Protein backbone atom coordinates (compact mmCIF):
# COMPACT_ATOMS: atom_id res chain seq x y z
CA VAL A 1 -2.04 31.28 -16.93
CA HIS A 2 -2.51 33.39 -20.07
CA LEU A 3 0.12 32.93 -22.77
CA GLN A 4 0.96 35.89 -25.00
CA GLY A 5 3.35 36.59 -27.83
CA SER A 6 4.72 34.35 -30.52
CA ILE A 7 7.38 31.73 -31.14
CA VAL A 8 9.48 31.37 -34.27
CA GLY A 9 10.83 27.89 -34.75
CA ASN A 10 10.67 24.45 -36.27
CA SER A 11 7.86 22.09 -35.51
CA SER A 12 8.28 19.20 -33.07
CA LEU A 13 11.04 20.92 -31.05
CA ILE A 14 10.55 21.82 -27.38
CA ALA A 15 9.80 25.54 -27.56
CA PHE A 16 9.90 26.31 -23.83
CA VAL A 17 9.39 24.82 -20.37
CA LEU A 18 7.09 26.44 -17.84
CA PRO A 19 8.44 26.73 -14.30
CA GLU A 20 6.74 24.90 -11.42
CA GLY A 21 3.69 26.79 -10.24
CA PHE A 22 2.78 27.74 -13.83
CA ARG A 23 2.24 24.23 -15.23
CA PRO A 24 -1.14 22.78 -16.23
CA PRO A 25 -2.72 19.94 -14.22
CA GLY A 26 -2.73 17.71 -17.32
CA ASP A 27 -1.65 17.75 -20.95
CA ILE A 28 -3.16 20.52 -23.12
CA PHE A 29 -3.46 20.52 -26.88
CA ALA A 30 -4.46 23.84 -28.50
CA SER A 31 -4.73 25.11 -32.06
CA LEU A 32 -2.49 28.07 -32.94
CA PRO A 33 -2.46 30.48 -35.86
CA THR A 34 0.76 30.50 -37.90
CA GLY A 35 -0.01 32.86 -40.76
CA THR A 36 0.49 30.04 -43.28
CA GLY A 37 -1.90 27.43 -41.94
CA PRO A 38 -3.14 25.91 -38.71
CA GLY A 39 -0.60 24.93 -36.08
CA PHE A 40 -0.77 23.47 -32.59
CA LEU A 41 0.65 23.79 -29.10
CA GLU A 42 1.18 20.65 -27.04
CA LEU A 43 1.71 21.67 -23.42
CA LEU A 44 2.51 18.77 -21.11
CA ALA A 45 1.93 18.54 -17.36
CA ASP A 46 5.73 18.59 -16.82
CA GLY A 47 5.75 22.13 -18.29
CA SER A 48 7.35 21.30 -21.64
CA ALA A 49 5.74 22.91 -24.68
CA ARG A 50 6.03 21.85 -28.31
CA VAL A 51 4.65 23.65 -31.36
CA GLY A 52 3.98 22.16 -34.77
CA LEU A 53 1.97 22.24 -37.97
CA TYR A 54 -0.89 19.92 -38.79
CA ALA A 55 -0.03 19.46 -42.46
CA SER A 56 3.69 20.12 -42.87
CA SER A 57 6.89 21.04 -41.07
CA GLY A 58 9.50 23.77 -41.12
CA GLU A 59 10.10 27.09 -39.44
CA ARG A 60 6.98 29.17 -38.78
CA THR A 61 5.76 31.86 -36.41
CA TYR A 62 3.25 30.46 -33.91
CA GLY A 63 0.86 32.86 -32.14
CA LEU A 64 0.30 32.09 -28.44
CA ASP A 65 -2.28 34.79 -27.66
CA GLY A 66 -5.48 33.29 -26.31
CA VAL A 67 -4.02 30.09 -24.82
CA THR A 68 -5.34 30.06 -21.25
CA PHE A 69 -5.35 27.36 -18.56
CA ARG A 70 -5.53 26.86 -14.80
CA VAL A 71 -2.35 25.82 -13.03
CA ALA A 72 -2.05 22.49 -11.23
CA ARG A 73 -3.54 22.46 -7.73
CA CYS A 74 -5.72 25.48 -8.43
């Protein structure tokens, strides 16, 4: 799976949930650019994804381009 695009939102909220067949085999933690400092993507094996900032909180734009992983059972 190759994620593309961006998300605008507050940190620590569930940003999206991947459908079955597109979920990772285990939890993934990736760094994301935000334009105002480093952010992260926490993608869990159940398909839920959460974005956040390392140093602060609040609404930001998180870039997803470049996040790539194999799906479960692949």
